Amino acid sequence: MKSEIKDPYYESLYRLLLRNVDGKQKKILVMGTHAGRDTETLLSVYPRLEATILEPILSFIVDYEAQFKGRSNVQIAMGKWEEMSSFEEKFDLAVCLDGIEHSKRPYRIVDNLTKYSDEIIISCPNGFWFFKDGHRYVDHGHGPHISQIKRSEIRKFLKDRGYEINILAGVRKRWLGPFSFGTFVRAVKK
């Protein structure tokens, strides 16, 4: 994969993402703070995927429409991640990278992902990403990080809904220190 991304966290995250998508998935749902980049990464390896990006912010939708102009295999839908009711179809894979920490109801988002796909991939940063010197990090478009999600909580939440955890990995944010890991989860309905 050719990437313009120089951030070690995202390089690790995208390696994990591509290692856990095998091309058998035909229709994917993508949401999260960098859904356009996430979709582009997947399409760079699997150009025949049909991707639907769910985005709540109009200015991001405008950017995504320009980014994917002329690509009939990418659809952009407007909607809140917590209130995903606009889809009649199911997806082969639902991906939410670094999105749930922006919600007061992160598990509502995860629950919605389970309604639309039997295979999901989720990532989120840990507490080191939230605070530095006692101050909340700057909002980068989707609001500040307001929910801290533990790996053990995601594991239990998904297992309680009949999902088998195929991978539960840490994604290191090197510049934040030795304990600064994010979480990457791939789960499949049993």
Foldseek 3Di string as FASTA:
>chain_A
DDDPDPQQLVVLVLVVVVVPDDLPWAEEEEEEDPRLVSVVSVCVPRVRHQYEYEAADPVVLVVSCVVCPPPPSYHYHYDDLLDPDPDPAAGQEYEYEAHLQLDPCSVSNVVVNVVRYQKYKYKHWADLQQDDPRDGDDDDPSHTRHDGDDLVNVCVSVVVVQKDWPDWDWRARPVSHDVTTMIMTIIGHD
